[in-house]
Amino acid sequence: MLKHYFINKKSDKDPNQVVHDEYCRQRPTVTEALYVGMFNNCSDAIKEAQKEYKHAIVCPKCLCDCKPD
């Protein structure tokens, strides 16, 4: 199933920037997020995000089952 994915514009305390799916309750607001794209799975979304954001990681809430390659 295709989902929209977003990444936080700002990193947390560490250099990581978190990727969320469109349904995540912890997804940042529109002004605090960047659109990554629409993907069939979170692994592809993370790969795409890491092209621009080296420290992109999965959200532990909405993507806890994600196993990036």
N, C-alpha and C. Protein backbone atom coordinates (compact mmCIF):
# COMPACT_ATOMS: atom_id res chain seq x y z
N MET A 1 0.84 -1.18 0.00
CA MET A 1 0.00 0.00 0.00
C MET A 1 0.88 1.25 0.00
N LEU A 2 0.63 2.14 -0.90
CA LEU A 2 1.40 3.38 -0.96
C LEU A 2 1.06 4.29 0.22
N LYS A 3 2.09 4.87 0.79
CA LYS A 3 1.92 5.84 1.88
C LYS A 3 2.81 7.04 1.59
N HIS A 4 2.41 8.18 2.14
CA HIS A 4 3.23 9.39 2.09
C HIS A 4 4.18 9.36 3.28
N TYR A 5 5.42 9.81 3.06
CA TYR A 5 6.41 9.85 4.13
C TYR A 5 6.98 11.26 4.26
N PHE A 6 7.31 11.62 5.49
CA PHE A 6 7.81 12.96 5.82
C PHE A 6 9.02 12.82 6.73
N ILE A 7 9.87 13.86 6.72
CA ILE A 7 11.04 13.88 7.60
C ILE A 7 11.04 15.21 8.34
N ASN A 8 11.48 15.16 9.60
CA ASN A 8 11.62 16.38 10.39
C ASN A 8 12.65 17.29 9.74
N LYS A 9 12.36 18.58 9.66
CA LYS A 9 13.35 19.54 9.15
C LYS A 9 14.54 19.65 10.09
N LYS A 10 14.26 19.63 11.38
CA LYS A 10 15.32 19.75 12.39
C LYS A 10 15.59 18.39 13.01
N SER A 11 16.84 18.18 13.37
CA SER A 11 17.19 16.93 14.03
C SER A 11 16.88 17.03 15.52
N ASP A 12 16.81 15.86 16.15
CA ASP A 12 16.61 15.82 17.59
C ASP A 12 17.90 16.22 18.28
N LYS A 13 18.09 15.76 19.48
CA LYS A 13 19.31 16.10 20.25
C LYS A 13 20.57 15.60 19.55
N ASP A 14 20.45 14.49 18.87
CA ASP A 14 21.57 13.94 18.11
C ASP A 14 21.42 14.38 16.64
N PRO A 15 22.29 13.96 15.77
CA PRO A 15 22.19 14.43 14.37
C PRO A 15 21.08 13.75 13.56
N ASN A 16 20.35 12.82 14.16
CA ASN A 16 19.33 12.08 13.43
C ASN A 16 18.11 12.92 13.09
N GLN A 17 17.55 12.65 11.92
CA GLN A 17 16.28 13.26 11.52
C GLN A 17 15.31 12.12 11.27
N VAL A 18 14.12 12.23 11.85
CA VAL A 18 13.19 11.12 11.91
C VAL A 18 12.21 11.15 10.73
N VAL A 19 12.02 9.98 10.12
CA VAL A 19 11.06 9.80 9.03
C VAL A 19 9.77 9.22 9.61
N HIS A 20 8.63 9.80 9.20
CA HIS A 20 7.32 9.39 9.68
C HIS A 20 6.43 9.05 8.49
N ASP A 21 5.43 8.19 8.73
CA ASP A 21 4.43 7.99 7.69
C ASP A 21 3.31 9.00 7.88
N GLU A 22 2.41 9.05 6.94
CA GLU A 22 1.36 10.07 6.94
C GLU A 22 0.38 9.95 8.10
N TYR A 23 0.31 8.79 8.73
CA TYR A 23 -0.65 8.56 9.80
C TYR A 23 -0.06 8.73 11.20
N CYS A 24 1.22 9.04 11.28
CA CYS A 24 1.91 9.11 12.57
C CYS A 24 1.39 10.26 13.43
N ARG A 25 1.11 9.96 14.68
CA ARG A 25 0.68 11.00 15.62
C ARG A 25 1.84 11.91 16.02
N GLN A 26 3.06 11.46 15.79
CA GLN A 26 4.23 12.27 16.14
C GLN A 26 4.83 12.97 14.93
N ARG A 27 4.14 12.88 13.81
CA ARG A 27 4.62 13.57 12.60
C ARG A 27 4.66 15.06 12.88
N PRO A 28 5.72 15.73 12.45
CA PRO A 28 5.81 17.17 12.66
C PRO A 28 4.74 17.93 11.87
N THR A 29 4.51 19.16 12.27
CA THR A 29 3.55 20.00 11.56
C THR A 29 4.06 20.29 10.15
N VAL A 30 3.21 20.81 9.33
CA VAL A 30 3.56 21.11 7.94
C VAL A 30 4.78 22.02 7.85
N THR A 31 4.89 22.99 8.75
CA THR A 31 6.02 23.92 8.72
C THR A 31 7.31 23.30 9.25
N GLU A 32 7.20 22.17 9.96
CA GLU A 32 8.38 21.53 10.55
C GLU A 32 8.79 20.25 9.83
N ALA A 33 8.11 19.93 8.71
CA ALA A 33 8.39 18.68 8.00
C ALA A 33 8.67 18.94 6.52
N LEU A 34 9.40 18.00 5.94
CA LEU A 34 9.63 17.99 4.50
C LEU A 34 9.06 16.70 3.95
N TYR A 35 8.49 16.80 2.77
CA TYR A 35 7.90 15.63 2.13
C TYR A 35 8.99 14.78 1.50
N VAL A 36 9.02 13.50 1.84
CA VAL A 36 10.00 12.58 1.26
C VAL A 36 9.45 11.97 -0.03
N GLY A 37 8.18 11.59 -0.01
CA GLY A 37 7.56 11.02 -1.19
C GLY A 37 6.55 9.95 -0.83
N MET A 38 6.05 9.28 -1.87
CA MET A 38 5.08 8.21 -1.71
C MET A 38 5.76 6.90 -2.07
N PHE A 39 5.69 5.93 -1.14
CA PHE A 39 6.41 4.67 -1.32
C PHE A 39 5.54 3.49 -0.88
N ASN A 40 5.89 2.31 -1.41
CA ASN A 40 5.21 1.08 -1.03
C ASN A 40 5.65 0.56 0.33
N ASN A 41 6.85 0.98 0.76
CA ASN A 41 7.36 0.49 2.04
C ASN A 41 8.30 1.52 2.65
N CYS A 42 8.52 1.36 3.94
CA CYS A 42 9.34 2.33 4.66
C CYS A 42 10.82 2.24 4.28
N SER A 43 11.28 1.07 3.89
CA SER A 43 12.69 0.94 3.49
C SER A 43 13.02 1.85 2.32
N ASP A 44 12.13 1.90 1.35
CA ASP A 44 12.35 2.78 0.20
C ASP A 44 12.29 4.25 0.61
N ALA A 45 11.40 4.56 1.54
CA ALA A 45 11.30 5.94 2.03
C ALA A 45 12.57 6.36 2.75
N ILE A 46 13.11 5.48 3.57
CA ILE A 46 14.36 5.78 4.29
C ILE A 46 15.51 5.96 3.30
N LYS A 47 15.61 5.08 2.33
CA LYS A 47 16.67 5.21 1.32
C LYS A 47 16.61 6.56 0.62
N GLU A 48 15.41 6.96 0.26
CA GLU A 48 15.23 8.25 -0.42
C GLU A 48 15.61 9.41 0.51
N ALA A 49 15.17 9.33 1.74
CA ALA A 49 15.47 10.39 2.71
C ALA A 49 16.98 10.49 2.95
N GLN A 50 17.67 9.35 2.98
CA GLN A 50 19.10 9.35 3.26
C GLN A 50 19.94 9.90 2.11
N LYS A 51 19.35 10.05 0.95
CA LYS A 51 20.08 10.69 -0.15
C LYS A 51 20.37 12.15 0.19
N GLU A 52 19.45 12.78 0.89
CA GLU A 52 19.58 14.19 1.27
C GLU A 52 19.97 14.36 2.74
N TYR A 53 19.51 13.45 3.58
CA TYR A 53 19.73 13.52 5.03
C TYR A 53 20.41 12.24 5.49
N LYS A 54 21.71 12.30 5.60
CA LYS A 54 22.54 11.14 5.90
C LYS A 54 22.09 10.40 7.16
N HIS A 55 21.60 11.14 8.14
CA HIS A 55 21.24 10.54 9.43
C HIS A 55 19.74 10.30 9.57
N ALA A 56 19.04 10.08 8.47
CA ALA A 56 17.61 9.81 8.52
C ALA A 56 17.38 8.44 9.18
N ILE A 57 16.45 8.40 10.12
CA ILE A 57 16.11 7.16 10.81
C ILE A 57 14.59 7.00 10.83
N VAL A 58 14.13 5.80 11.16
CA VAL A 58 12.69 5.55 11.23
C VAL A 58 12.12 6.04 12.56
N CYS A 59 10.89 6.47 12.52
CA CYS A 59 10.17 6.86 13.74
C CYS A 59 9.92 5.60 14.57
N PRO A 60 10.26 5.60 15.85
CA PRO A 60 10.04 4.41 16.68
C PRO A 60 8.56 4.16 16.97
N LYS A 61 7.71 5.12 16.70
CA LYS A 61 6.26 4.95 16.96
C LYS A 61 5.55 4.40 15.73
N CYS A 62 5.64 5.11 14.61
CA CYS A 62 4.85 4.71 13.44
C CYS A 62 5.55 3.70 12.55
N LEU A 63 6.87 3.61 12.63
CA LEU A 63 7.61 2.70 11.76
C LEU A 63 8.43 1.69 12.55
N CYS A 64 7.90 1.31 13.71
CA CYS A 64 8.66 0.42 14.60
C CYS A 64 8.92 -0.94 13.98
N ASP A 65 8.11 -1.37 13.04
CA ASP A 65 8.32 -2.67 12.38
C ASP A 65 9.19 -2.56 11.13
N CYS A 66 9.62 -1.36 10.80
CA CYS A 66 10.40 -1.13 9.60
C CYS A 66 11.82 -1.67 9.78
N LYS A 67 12.28 -2.38 8.78
CA LYS A 67 13.64 -2.90 8.77
C LYS A 67 14.37 -2.35 7.55
N PRO A 68 14.95 -1.13 7.68
CA PRO A 68 15.66 -0.56 6.52
C PRO A 68 16.79 -1.46 6.06
N ASP A 69 16.99 -1.50 4.75
CA ASP A 69 18.06 -2.34 4.18
C ASP A 69 19.42 -1.80 4.54
